[in-house]
Amino acid sequence: MPEAKEKLKKDAYEKSLAAYGQAMKLFRKGDLAKAQELFKAFLEKHPEEKELVDRAKMYLSISESRLDKESIQLKTFEDYYQYSVYKLNQEDYEQALKLLMKPERRNLKKGKFLI
């Protein structure tokens, strides 16, 4: 019986470690919104893992503060360009492309062309 109990405990720890790892992977990639969701889910499902819970709370707090800071105002083409480079560095290629296309579309609507 004690062996079965230890195996269950080990399996639960491995599941919690995998859930924490998934959240960290997204956090490192810069996908803070999804990482935030996974950290919250981890905290709900695995409150018994004290070390990982403390770390998850810390990274959840960091991702929340970074998401609040991401509400920046982009006005010039240079702003869009710099922010698209930032997104490229985070491997968010789709968003980077959208950022580069946005000022061009705005100028086309006004009858201006970028050359």
PDB file of N, CA and C in Angstrom:
ATOM      1  N   MET A   1       0.796  -1.214   0.000  1.00  0.00           N
ATOM      2  CA  MET A   1       0.000   0.000   0.000  1.00  0.00           C
ATOM      3  C   MET A   1       0.838   1.278   0.000  1.00  0.00           C
ATOM      4  N   PRO A   2       1.891   1.359   0.824  1.00  0.00           N
ATOM      5  CA  PRO A   2       2.672   2.600   0.825  1.00  0.00           C
ATOM      6  C   PRO A   2       3.288   2.909  -0.538  1.00  0.00           C
ATOM      7  N   GLU A   3       3.624   1.862  -1.303  1.00  0.00           N
ATOM      8  CA  GLU A   3       4.197   2.087  -2.636  1.00  0.00           C
ATOM      9  C   GLU A   3       3.174   2.723  -3.569  1.00  0.00           C
ATOM     10  N   ALA A   4       1.940   2.290  -3.482  1.00  0.00           N
ATOM     11  CA  ALA A   4       0.880   2.851  -4.321  1.00  0.00           C
ATOM     12  C   ALA A   4       0.637   4.313  -3.966  1.00  0.00           C
ATOM     13  N   LYS A   5       0.707   4.606  -2.687  1.00  0.00           N
ATOM     14  CA  LYS A   5       0.509   5.986  -2.228  1.00  0.00           C
ATOM     15  C   LYS A   5       1.632   6.889  -2.738  1.00  0.00           C
ATOM     16  N   GLU A   6       2.866   6.369  -2.690  1.00  0.00           N
ATOM     17  CA  GLU A   6       4.020   7.132  -3.183  1.00  0.00           C
ATOM     18  C   GLU A   6       3.916   7.356  -4.692  1.00  0.00           C
ATOM     19  N   LYS A   7       3.449   6.351  -5.402  1.00  0.00           N
ATOM     20  CA  LYS A   7       3.295   6.482  -6.856  1.00  0.00           C
ATOM     21  C   LYS A   7       2.250   7.533  -7.196  1.00  0.00           C
ATOM     22  N   LEU A   8       1.145   7.546  -6.478  1.00  0.00           N
ATOM     23  CA  LEU A   8       0.113   8.563  -6.699  1.00  0.00           C
ATOM     24  C   LEU A   8       0.653   9.957  -6.421  1.00  0.00           C
ATOM     25  N   LYS A   9       1.423  10.067  -5.360  1.00  0.00           N
ATOM     26  CA  LYS A   9       2.009  11.357  -4.988  1.00  0.00           C
ATOM     27  C   LYS A   9       2.997  11.817  -6.060  1.00  0.00           C
ATOM     28  N   LYS A  10       3.805  10.876  -6.553  1.00  0.00           N
ATOM     29  CA  LYS A  10       4.775  11.196  -7.601  1.00  0.00           C
ATOM     30  C   LYS A  10       4.066  11.602  -8.894  1.00  0.00           C
ATOM     31  N   ASP A  11       3.008  10.877  -9.257  1.00  0.00           N
ATOM     32  CA  ASP A  11       2.238  11.205 -10.464  1.00  0.00           C
ATOM     33  C   ASP A  11       1.607  12.592 -10.365  1.00  0.00           C
ATOM     34  N   ALA A  12       1.075  12.907  -9.193  1.00  0.00           N
ATOM     35  CA  ALA A  12       0.468  14.229  -8.984  1.00  0.00           C
ATOM     36  C   ALA A  12       1.510  15.326  -9.108  1.00  0.00           C
ATOM     37  N   TYR A  13       2.700  15.070  -8.564  1.00  0.00           N
ATOM     38  CA  TYR A  13       3.772  16.064  -8.655  1.00  0.00           C
ATOM     39  C   TYR A  13       4.194  16.257 -10.112  1.00  0.00           C
ATOM     40  N   GLU A  14       4.322  15.170 -10.856  1.00  0.00           N
ATOM     41  CA  GLU A  14       4.722  15.272 -12.266  1.00  0.00           C
ATOM     42  C   GLU A  14       3.680  16.022 -13.092  1.00  0.00           C
ATOM     43  N   LYS A  15       2.406  15.808 -12.798  1.00  0.00           N
ATOM     44  CA  LYS A  15       1.344  16.539 -13.495  1.00  0.00           C
ATOM     45  C   LYS A  15       1.417  18.028 -13.178  1.00  0.00           C
ATOM     46  N   SER A  16       1.644  18.338 -11.905  1.00  0.00           N
ATOM     47  CA  SER A  16       1.734  19.747 -11.521  1.00  0.00           C
ATOM     48  C   SER A  16       2.963  20.397 -12.146  1.00  0.00           C
ATOM     49  N   LEU A  17       4.068  19.657 -12.200  1.00  0.00           N
ATOM     50  CA  LEU A  17       5.289  20.171 -12.810  1.00  0.00           C
ATOM     51  C   LEU A  17       5.090  20.419 -14.306  1.00  0.00           C
ATOM     52  N   ALA A  18       4.368  19.526 -14.973  1.00  0.00           N
ATOM     53  CA  ALA A  18       4.088  19.696 -16.407  1.00  0.00           C
ATOM     54  C   ALA A  18       3.198  20.919 -16.639  1.00  0.00           C
ATOM     55  N   ALA A  19       2.194  21.105 -15.802  1.00  0.00           N
ATOM     56  CA  ALA A  19       1.299  22.271 -15.937  1.00  0.00           C
ATOM     57  C   ALA A  19       2.070  23.566 -15.712  1.00  0.00           C
ATOM     58  N   TYR A  20       2.921  23.574 -14.705  1.00  0.00           N
ATOM     59  CA  TYR A  20       3.754  24.751 -14.423  1.00  0.00           C
ATOM     60  C   TYR A  20       4.704  25.007 -15.596  1.00  0.00           C
ATOM     61  N   GLY A  21       5.287  23.937 -16.135  1.00  0.00           N
ATOM     62  CA  GLY A  21       6.208  24.068 -17.267  1.00  0.00           C
ATOM     63  C   GLY A  21       5.550  24.660 -18.493  1.00  0.00           C
ATOM     64  N   GLN A  22       4.311  24.273 -18.769  1.00  0.00           N
ATOM     65  CA  GLN A  22       3.577  24.830 -19.910  1.00  0.00           C
ATOM     66  C   GLN A  22       3.375  26.339 -19.741  1.00  0.00           C
ATOM     67  N   ALA A  23       2.995  26.734 -18.553  1.00  0.00           N
ATOM     68  CA  ALA A  23       2.792  28.156 -18.285  1.00  0.00           C
ATOM     69  C   ALA A  23       4.106  28.928 -18.440  1.00  0.00           C
ATOM     70  N   MET A  24       5.197  28.351 -17.947  1.00  0.00           N
ATOM     71  CA  MET A  24       6.499  29.015 -18.052  1.00  0.00           C
ATOM     72  C   MET A  24       6.952  29.124 -19.504  1.00  0.00           C
ATOM     73  N   LYS A  25       6.665  28.106 -20.286  1.00  0.00           N
ATOM     74  CA  LYS A  25       7.042  28.130 -21.703  1.00  0.00           C
ATOM     75  C   LYS A  25       6.368  29.309 -22.411  1.00  0.00           C
ATOM     76  N   LEU A  26       5.086  29.498 -22.151  1.00  0.00           N
ATOM     77  CA  LEU A  26       4.368  30.624 -22.754  1.00  0.00           C
ATOM     78  C   LEU A  26       4.865  31.957 -22.208  1.00  0.00           C
ATOM     79  N   PHE A  27       5.182  31.988 -20.933  1.00  0.00           N
ATOM     80  CA  PHE A  27       5.702  33.215 -20.319  1.00  0.00           C
ATOM     81  C   PHE A  27       7.009  33.615 -20.995  1.00  0.00           C
ATOM     82  N   ARG A  28       7.900  32.654 -21.178  1.00  0.00           N
ATOM     83  CA  ARG A  28       9.198  32.945 -21.813  1.00  0.00           C
ATOM     84  C   ARG A  28       9.040  33.376 -23.259  1.00  0.00           C
ATOM     85  N   LYS A  29       8.034  32.850 -23.955  1.00  0.00           N
ATOM     86  CA  LYS A  29       7.779  33.234 -25.341  1.00  0.00           C
ATOM     87  C   LYS A  29       7.186  34.637 -25.434  1.00  0.00           C
ATOM     88  N   GLY A  30       6.659  35.127 -24.322  1.00  0.00           N
ATOM     89  CA  GLY A  30       6.048  36.446 -24.322  1.00  0.00           C
ATOM     90  C   GLY A  30       4.551  36.409 -24.518  1.00  0.00           C
ATOM     91  N   ASP A  31       3.958  35.236 -24.528  1.00  0.00           N
ATOM     92  CA  ASP A  31       2.507  35.114 -24.653  1.00  0.00           C
ATOM     93  C   ASP A  31       1.915  35.223 -23.251  1.00  0.00           C
ATOM     94  N   LEU A  32       1.912  36.432 -22.741  1.00  0.00           N
ATOM     95  CA  LEU A  32       1.568  36.664 -21.336  1.00  0.00           C
ATOM     96  C   LEU A  32       0.112  36.386 -21.007  1.00  0.00           C
ATOM     97  N   ALA A  33      -0.779  36.646 -21.926  1.00  0.00           N
ATOM     98  CA  ALA A  33      -2.199  36.420 -21.653  1.00  0.00           C
ATOM     99  C   ALA A  33      -2.485  34.926 -21.454  1.00  0.00           C
ATOM    100  N   LYS A  34      -1.944  34.102 -22.347  1.00  0.00           N
ATOM    101  CA  LYS A  34      -2.154  32.659 -22.215  1.00  0.00           C
ATOM    102  C   LYS A  34      -1.406  32.105 -21.007  1.00  0.00           C
ATOM    103  N   ALA A  35      -0.197  32.619 -20.762  1.00  0.00           N
ATOM    104  CA  ALA A  35       0.574  32.184 -19.591  1.00  0.00           C
ATOM    105  C   ALA A  35      -0.195  32.511 -18.322  1.00  0.00           C
ATOM    106  N   GLN A  36      -0.798  33.685 -18.294  1.00  0.00           N
ATOM    107  CA  GLN A  36      -1.587  34.109 -17.139  1.00  0.00           C
ATOM    108  C   GLN A  36      -2.735  33.127 -16.877  1.00  0.00           C
ATOM    109  N   GLU A  37      -3.421  32.717 -17.926  1.00  0.00           N
ATOM    110  CA  GLU A  37      -4.512  31.745 -17.794  1.00  0.00           C
ATOM    111  C   GLU A  37      -4.001  30.425 -17.220  1.00  0.00           C
ATOM    112  N   LEU A  38      -2.856  29.969 -17.749  1.00  0.00           N
ATOM    113  CA  LEU A  38      -2.315  28.691 -17.281  1.00  0.00           C
ATOM    114  C   LEU A  38      -1.813  28.767 -15.840  1.00  0.00           C
ATOM    115  N   PHE A  39      -1.236  29.899 -15.466  1.00  0.00           N
ATOM    116  CA  PHE A  39      -0.806  30.056 -14.073  1.00  0.00           C
ATOM    117  C   PHE A  39      -2.013  30.020 -13.130  1.00  0.00           C
ATOM    118  N   LYS A  40      -3.088  30.684 -13.529  1.00  0.00           N
ATOM    119  CA  LYS A  40      -4.296  30.668 -12.695  1.00  0.00           C
ATOM    120  C   LYS A  40      -4.871  29.256 -12.580  1.00  0.00           C
ATOM    121  N   ALA A  41      -4.911  28.542 -13.694  1.00  0.00           N
ATOM    122  CA  ALA A  41      -5.408  27.166 -13.673  1.00  0.00           C
ATOM    123  C   ALA A  41      -4.510  26.284 -12.807  1.00  0.00           C
ATOM    124  N   PHE A  42      -3.200  26.505 -12.904  1.00  0.00           N
ATOM    125  CA  PHE A  42      -2.259  25.742 -12.084  1.00  0.00           C
ATOM    126  C   PHE A  42      -2.526  25.980 -10.599  1.00  0.00           C
ATOM    127  N   LEU A  43      -2.712  27.230 -10.230  1.00  0.00           N
ATOM    128  CA  LEU A  43      -2.946  27.568  -8.824  1.00  0.00           C
ATOM    129  C   LEU A  43      -4.229  26.931  -8.294  1.00  0.00           C
ATOM    130  N   GLU A  44      -5.240  26.829  -9.148  1.00  0.00           N
ATOM    131  CA  GLU A  44      -6.501  26.201  -8.731  1.00  0.00           C
ATOM    132  C   GLU A  44      -6.371  24.685  -8.584  1.00  0.00           C
ATOM    133  N   LYS A  45      -5.639  24.066  -9.517  1.00  0.00           N
ATOM    134  CA  LYS A  45      -5.581  22.602  -9.546  1.00  0.00           C
ATOM    135  C   LYS A  45      -4.502  21.999  -8.641  1.00  0.00           C
ATOM    136  N   HIS A  46      -3.455  22.765  -8.346  1.00  0.00           N
ATOM    137  CA  HIS A  46      -2.312  22.200  -7.622  1.00  0.00           C
ATOM    138  C   HIS A  46      -1.885  23.056  -6.426  1.00  0.00           C
ATOM    139  N   PRO A  47      -2.782  23.347  -5.516  1.00  0.00           N
ATOM    140  CA  PRO A  47      -2.403  24.187  -4.363  1.00  0.00           C
ATOM    141  C   PRO A  47      -1.473  23.477  -3.374  1.00  0.00           C
ATOM    142  N   GLU A  48      -1.343  22.165  -3.490  1.00  0.00           N
ATOM    143  CA  GLU A  48      -0.517  21.401  -2.552  1.00  0.00           C
ATOM    144  C   GLU A  48       0.981  21.527  -2.824  1.00  0.00           C
ATOM    145  N   GLU A  49       1.362  21.964  -4.025  1.00  0.00           N
ATOM    146  CA  GLU A  49       2.772  22.090  -4.394  1.00  0.00           C
ATOM    147  C   GLU A  49       3.271  23.484  -4.018  1.00  0.00           C
ATOM    148  N   LYS A  50       3.660  23.644  -2.766  1.00  0.00           N
ATOM    149  CA  LYS A  50       3.974  24.968  -2.211  1.00  0.00           C
ATOM    150  C   LYS A  50       5.066  25.713  -2.975  1.00  0.00           C
ATOM    151  N   GLU A  51       6.163  25.024  -3.307  1.00  0.00           N
ATOM    152  CA  GLU A  51       7.257  25.702  -4.021  1.00  0.00           C
ATOM    153  C   GLU A  51       6.805  26.220  -5.374  1.00  0.00           C
ATOM    154  N   LEU A  52       6.121  25.382  -6.112  1.00  0.00           N
ATOM    155  CA  LEU A  52       5.662  25.786  -7.440  1.00  0.00           C
ATOM    156  C   LEU A  52       4.559  26.836  -7.353  1.00  0.00           C
ATOM    157  N   VAL A  53       3.723  26.749  -6.330  1.00  0.00           N
ATOM    158  CA  VAL A  53       2.648  27.733  -6.143  1.00  0.00           C
ATOM    159  C   VAL A  53       3.248  29.112  -5.910  1.00  0.00           C
ATOM    160  N   ASP A  54       4.289  29.182  -5.080  1.00  0.00           N
ATOM    161  CA  ASP A  54       4.933  30.477  -4.823  1.00  0.00           C
ATOM    162  C   ASP A  54       5.515  31.071  -6.104  1.00  0.00           C
ATOM    163  N   ARG A  55       6.164  30.237  -6.877  1.00  0.00           N
ATOM    164  CA  ARG A  55       6.743  30.707  -8.139  1.00  0.00           C
ATOM    165  C   ARG A  55       5.650  31.115  -9.120  1.00  0.00           C
ATOM    166  N   ALA A  56       4.601  30.314  -9.210  1.00  0.00           N
ATOM    167  CA  ALA A  56       3.500  30.620 -10.126  1.00  0.00           C
ATOM    168  C   ALA A  56       2.855  31.961  -9.770  1.00  0.00           C
ATOM    169  N   LYS A  57       2.686  32.215  -8.476  1.00  0.00           N
ATOM    170  CA  LYS A  57       2.113  33.502  -8.050  1.00  0.00           C
ATOM    171  C   LYS A  57       3.012  34.656  -8.466  1.00  0.00           C
ATOM    172  N   MET A  58       4.322  34.456  -8.336  1.00  0.00           N
ATOM    173  CA  MET A  58       5.267  35.513  -8.707  1.00  0.00           C
ATOM    174  C   MET A  58       5.179  35.792 -10.215  1.00  0.00           C
ATOM    175  N   TYR A  59       5.203  34.723 -11.032  1.00  0.00           N
ATOM    176  CA  TYR A  59       5.135  34.926 -12.480  1.00  0.00           C
ATOM    177  C   TYR A  59       3.765  35.437 -12.928  1.00  0.00           C
ATOM    178  N   LEU A  60       2.730  35.069 -12.231  1.00  0.00           N
ATOM    179  CA  LEU A  60       1.396  35.592 -12.522  1.00  0.00           C
ATOM    180  C   LEU A  60       1.378  37.099 -12.287  1.00  0.00           C
ATOM    181  N   SER A  61       1.968  37.519 -11.198  1.00  0.00           N
ATOM    182  CA  SER A  61       2.047  38.949 -10.886  1.00  0.00           C
ATOM    183  C   SER A  61       2.863  39.698 -11.940  1.00  0.00           C
ATOM    184  N   ILE A  62       3.977  39.117 -12.346  1.00  0.00           N
ATOM    185  CA  ILE A  62       4.825  39.749 -13.374  1.00  0.00           C
ATOM    186  C   ILE A  62       4.056  39.866 -14.688  1.00  0.00           C
ATOM    187  N   SER A  63       3.373  38.803 -15.087  1.00  0.00           N
ATOM    188  CA  SER A  63       2.646  38.851 -16.358  1.00  0.00           C
ATOM    189  C   SER A  63       1.511  39.860 -16.301  1.00  0.00           C
ATOM    190  N   GLU A  64       0.841  39.977 -15.164  1.00  0.00           N
ATOM    191  CA  GLU A  64      -0.225  40.980 -15.029  1.00  0.00           C
ATOM    192  C   GLU A  64       0.334  42.385 -15.161  1.00  0.00           C
ATOM    193  N   SER A  65       1.469  42.649 -14.525  1.00  0.00           N
ATOM    194  CA  SER A  65       2.038  43.998 -14.601  1.00  0.00           C
ATOM    195  C   SER A  65       2.547  44.302 -16.007  1.00  0.00           C
ATOM    196  N   ARG A  66       3.099  43.306 -16.673  1.00  0.00           N
ATOM    197  CA  ARG A  66       3.575  43.530 -18.050  1.00  0.00           C
ATOM    198  C   ARG A  66       2.417  43.742 -19.011  1.00  0.00           C
ATOM    199  N   LEU A  67       1.316  43.035 -18.815  1.00  0.00           N
ATOM    200  CA  LEU A  67       0.157  43.221 -19.684  1.00  0.00           C
ATOM    201  C   LEU A  67      -0.427  44.622 -19.501  1.00  0.00           C
ATOM    202  N   ASP A  68      -0.397  45.134 -18.293  1.00  0.00           N
ATOM    203  CA  ASP A  68      -0.882  46.493 -18.057  1.00  0.00           C
ATOM    204  C   ASP A  68      -0.012  47.505 -18.786  1.00  0.00           C
ATOM    205  N   LYS A  69       1.292  47.259 -18.866  1.00  0.00           N
ATOM    206  CA  LYS A  69       2.218  48.178 -19.524  1.00  0.00           C
ATOM    207  C   LYS A  69       2.115  48.112 -21.038  1.00  0.00           C
ATOM    208  N   GLU A  70       1.586  47.013 -21.598  1.00  0.00           N
ATOM    209  CA  GLU A  70       1.530  46.857 -23.044  1.00  0.00           C
ATOM    210  C   GLU A  70       0.488  47.720 -23.721  1.00  0.00           C
ATOM    211  N   SER A  71      -0.298  48.438 -22.979  1.00  0.00           N
ATOM    212  CA  SER A  71      -1.295  49.302 -23.599  1.00  0.00           C
ATOM    213  C   SER A  71      -0.643  50.633 -23.967  1.00  0.00           C
ATOM    214  N   ILE A  72       0.215  50.589 -24.988  1.00  0.00           N
ATOM    215  CA  ILE A  72       0.931  51.773 -25.427  1.00  0.00           C
ATOM    216  C   ILE A  72       0.241  52.370 -26.641  1.00  0.00           C
ATOM    217  N   GLN A  73       0.500  53.622 -26.870  1.00  0.00           N
ATOM    218  CA  GLN A  73      -0.091  54.324 -28.005  1.00  0.00           C
ATOM    219  C   GLN A  73       0.926  54.398 -29.139  1.00  0.00           C
ATOM    220  N   LEU A  74       0.567  53.874 -30.282  1.00  0.00           N
ATOM    221  CA  LEU A  74       1.422  53.915 -31.464  1.00  0.00           C
ATOM    222  C   LEU A  74       0.882  54.990 -32.393  1.00  0.00           C
ATOM    223  N   LYS A  75       1.720  55.971 -32.694  1.00  0.00           N
ATOM    224  CA  LYS A  75       1.260  57.097 -33.504  1.00  0.00           C
ATOM    225  C   LYS A  75       2.005  57.204 -34.832  1.00  0.00           C
ATOM    226  N   THR A  76       3.311  57.109 -34.783  1.00  0.00           N
ATOM    227  CA  THR A  76       4.104  57.285 -36.004  1.00  0.00           C
ATOM    228  C   THR A  76       4.510  55.931 -36.575  1.00  0.00           C
ATOM    229  N   PHE A  77       4.990  55.975 -37.817  1.00  0.00           N
ATOM    230  CA  PHE A  77       5.476  54.740 -38.424  1.00  0.00           C
ATOM    231  C   PHE A  77       6.628  54.178 -37.606  1.00  0.00           C
ATOM    232  N   GLU A  78       7.465  55.050 -37.090  1.00  0.00           N
ATOM    233  CA  GLU A  78       8.601  54.618 -36.256  1.00  0.00           C
ATOM    234  C   GLU A  78       8.117  53.855 -35.023  1.00  0.00           C
ATOM    235  N   ASP A  79       7.032  54.316 -34.404  1.00  0.00           N
ATOM    236  CA  ASP A  79       6.451  53.613 -33.251  1.00  0.00           C
ATOM    237  C   ASP A  79       6.021  52.194 -33.650  1.00  0.00           C
ATOM    238  N   TYR A  80       5.326  52.109 -34.777  1.00  0.00           N
ATOM    239  CA  TYR A  80       4.869  50.808 -35.256  1.00  0.00           C
ATOM    240  C   TYR A  80       6.053  49.898 -35.584  1.00  0.00           C
ATOM    241  N   TYR A  81       7.061  50.476 -36.211  1.00  0.00           N
ATOM    242  CA  TYR A  81       8.241  49.702 -36.584  1.00  0.00           C
ATOM    243  C   TYR A  81       8.951  49.154 -35.348  1.00  0.00           C
ATOM    244  N   GLN A  82       9.202  50.018 -34.369  1.00  0.00           N
ATOM    245  CA  GLN A  82       9.907  49.580 -33.161  1.00  0.00           C
ATOM    246  C   GLN A  82       9.128  48.499 -32.409  1.00  0.00           C
ATOM    247  N   TYR A  83       7.823  48.673 -32.326  1.00  0.00           N
ATOM    248  CA  TYR A  83       7.013  47.694 -31.615  1.00  0.00           C
ATOM    249  C   TYR A  83       6.932  46.378 -32.401  1.00  0.00           C
ATOM    250  N   SER A  84       6.960  46.460 -33.721  1.00  0.00           N
ATOM    251  CA  SER A  84       6.957  45.223 -34.523  1.00  0.00           C
ATOM    252  C   SER A  84       8.273  44.465 -34.337  1.00  0.00           C
ATOM    253  N   VAL A  85       9.378  45.170 -34.196  1.00  0.00           N
ATOM    254  CA  VAL A  85      10.660  44.519 -33.913  1.00  0.00           C
ATOM    255  C   VAL A  85      10.599  43.819 -32.561  1.00  0.00           C
ATOM    256  N   TYR A  86       9.998  44.471 -31.596  1.00  0.00           N
ATOM    257  CA  TYR A  86       9.801  43.874 -30.271  1.00  0.00           C
ATOM    258  C   TYR A  86       8.986  42.579 -30.401  1.00  0.00           C
ATOM    259  N   LYS A  87       7.914  42.615 -31.174  1.00  0.00           N
ATOM    260  CA  LYS A  87       7.078  41.431 -31.365  1.00  0.00           C
ATOM    261  C   LYS A  87       7.841  40.334 -32.120  1.00  0.00           C
ATOM    262  N   LEU A  88       8.671  40.710 -33.082  1.00  0.00           N
ATOM    263  CA  LEU A  88       9.496  39.724 -33.781  1.00  0.00           C
ATOM    264  C   LEU A  88      10.425  39.018 -32.801  1.00  0.00           C
ATOM    265  N   ASN A  89      11.020  39.775 -31.910  1.00  0.00           N
ATOM    266  CA  ASN A  89      11.912  39.194 -30.908  1.00  0.00           C
ATOM    267  C   ASN A  89      11.182  38.239 -29.976  1.00  0.00           C
ATOM    268  N   GLN A  90       9.890  38.429 -29.820  1.00  0.00           N
ATOM    269  CA  GLN A  90       9.068  37.528 -29.004  1.00  0.00           C
ATOM    270  C   GLN A  90       8.518  36.372 -29.831  1.00  0.00           C
ATOM    271  N   GLU A  91       8.905  36.323 -31.107  1.00  0.00           N
ATOM    272  CA  GLU A  91       8.452  35.301 -32.050  1.00  0.00           C
ATOM    273  C   GLU A  91       6.950  35.383 -32.321  1.00  0.00           C
ATOM    274  N   ASP A  92       6.396  36.587 -32.216  1.00  0.00           N
ATOM    275  CA  ASP A  92       4.992  36.816 -32.547  1.00  0.00           C
ATOM    276  C   ASP A  92       4.960  37.449 -33.941  1.00  0.00           C
ATOM    277  N   TYR A  93       5.241  36.617 -34.947  1.00  0.00           N
ATOM    278  CA  TYR A  93       5.416  37.097 -36.316  1.00  0.00           C
ATOM    279  C   TYR A  93       4.140  37.670 -36.912  1.00  0.00           C
ATOM    280  N   GLU A  94       3.036  37.055 -36.606  1.00  0.00           N
ATOM    281  CA  GLU A  94       1.755  37.512 -37.143  1.00  0.00           C
ATOM    282  C   GLU A  94       1.439  38.934 -36.667  1.00  0.00           C
ATOM    283  N   GLN A  95       1.606  39.186 -35.386  1.00  0.00           N
ATOM    284  CA  GLN A  95       1.343  40.515 -34.833  1.00  0.00           C
ATOM    285  C   GLN A  95       2.344  41.531 -35.381  1.00  0.00           C
ATOM    286  N   ALA A  96       3.597  41.121 -35.549  1.00  0.00           N
ATOM    287  CA  ALA A  96       4.618  42.025 -36.091  1.00  0.00           C
ATOM    288  C   ALA A  96       4.241  42.472 -37.498  1.00  0.00           C
ATOM    289  N   LEU A  97       3.783  41.544 -38.310  1.00  0.00           N
ATOM    290  CA  LEU A  97       3.364  41.882 -39.671  1.00  0.00           C
ATOM    291  C   LEU A  97       2.173  42.825 -39.663  1.00  0.00           C
ATOM    292  N   LYS A  98       1.207  42.558 -38.799  1.00  0.00           N
ATOM    293  CA  LYS A  98       0.036  43.438 -38.687  1.00  0.00           C
ATOM    294  C   LYS A  98       0.459  44.851 -38.298  1.00  0.00           C
ATOM    295  N   LEU A  99       1.403  44.952 -37.380  1.00  0.00           N
ATOM    296  CA  LEU A  99       1.871  46.271 -36.944  1.00  0.00           C
ATOM    297  C   LEU A  99       2.533  47.035 -38.083  1.00  0.00           C
ATOM    298  N   LEU A 100       3.260  46.327 -38.939  1.00  0.00           N
ATOM    299  CA  LEU A 100       3.922  46.990 -40.062  1.00  0.00           C
ATOM    300  C   LEU A 100       2.939  47.388 -41.153  1.00  0.00           C
ATOM    301  N   MET A 101       1.850  46.661 -41.282  1.00  0.00           N
ATOM    302  CA  MET A 101       0.858  46.945 -42.314  1.00  0.00           C
ATOM    303  C   MET A 101      -0.094  48.068 -41.910  1.00  0.00           C
ATOM    304  N   LYS A 102      -0.289  48.258 -40.634  1.00  0.00           N
ATOM    305  CA  LYS A 102      -1.296  49.208 -40.149  1.00  0.00           C
ATOM    306  C   LYS A 102      -1.047  50.654 -40.616  1.00  0.00           C
ATOM    307  N   PRO A 103       0.142  51.220 -40.422  1.00  0.00           N
ATOM    308  CA  PRO A 103       0.329  52.615 -40.872  1.00  0.00           C
ATOM    309  C   PRO A 103       0.234  52.762 -42.376  1.00  0.00           C
ATOM    310  N   GLU A 104       0.627  51.720 -43.118  1.00  0.00           N
ATOM    311  CA  GLU A 104       0.522  51.778 -44.572  1.00  0.00           C
ATOM    312  C   GLU A 104      -0.941  51.853 -44.998  1.00  0.00           C
ATOM    313  N   ARG A 105      -1.798  51.045 -44.379  1.00  0.00           N
ATOM    314  CA  ARG A 105      -3.227  51.087 -44.717  1.00  0.00           C
ATOM    315  C   ARG A 105      -3.830  52.439 -44.367  1.00  0.00           C
ATOM    316  N   ARG A 106      -3.410  52.999 -43.253  1.00  0.00           N
ATOM    317  CA  ARG A 106      -3.934  54.293 -42.835  1.00  0.00           C
ATOM    318  C   ARG A 106      -3.563  55.370 -43.855  1.00  0.00           C
ATOM    319  N   ASN A 107      -2.323  55.336 -44.355  1.00  0.00           N
ATOM    320  CA  ASN A 107      -1.884  56.326 -45.341  1.00  0.00           C
ATOM    321  C   ASN A 107      -2.566  56.126 -46.687  1.00  0.00           C
ATOM    322  N   LEU A 108      -2.835  54.900 -47.073  1.00  0.00           N
ATOM    323  CA  LEU A 108      -3.545  54.648 -48.323  1.00  0.00           C
ATOM    324  C   LEU A 108      -4.955  55.197 -48.282  1.00  0.00           C
ATOM    325  N   LYS A 109      -5.605  55.110 -47.122  1.00  0.00           N
ATOM    326  CA  LYS A 109      -6.951  55.646 -46.979  1.00  0.00           C
ATOM    327  C   LYS A 109      -6.940  57.173 -47.131  1.00  0.00           C
ATOM    328  N   LYS A 110      -5.851  57.799 -46.696  1.00  0.00           N
ATOM    329  CA  LYS A 110      -5.756  59.257 -46.775  1.00  0.00           C
ATOM    330  C   LYS A 110      -5.251  59.709 -48.136  1.00  0.00           C
ATOM    331  N   GLY A 111      -4.920  58.764 -49.028  1.00  0.00           N
ATOM    332  CA  GLY A 111      -4.421  59.129 -50.355  1.00  0.00           C
ATOM    333  C   GLY A 111      -2.934  59.320 -50.386  1.00  0.00           C
ATOM    334  N   LYS A 112      -2.220  58.932 -49.322  1.00  0.00           N
ATOM    335  CA  LYS A 112      -0.764  59.049 -49.278  1.00  0.00           C
ATOM    336  C   LYS A 112      -0.174  57.679 -49.579  1.00  0.00           C
ATOM    337  N   PHE A 113       1.008  57.684 -50.181  1.00  0.00           N
ATOM    338  CA  PHE A 113       1.676  56.431 -50.496  1.00  0.00           C
ATOM    339  C   PHE A 113       3.062  56.449 -49.891  1.00  0.00           C
ATOM    340  N   LEU A 114       3.432  55.324 -49.285  1.00  0.00           N
ATOM    341  CA  LEU A 114       4.792  55.183 -48.741  1.00  0.00           C
ATOM    342  C   LEU A 114       5.680  54.580 -49.824  1.00  0.00           C
ATOM    343  N   ILE A 115       6.773  55.253 -50.085  1.00  0.00           N
ATOM    344  CA  ILE A 115       7.704  54.736 -51.100  1.00  0.00           C
ATOM    345  C   ILE A 115       9.081  54.651 -50.481  1.00  0.00           C
TER     346      ILE A 115
END
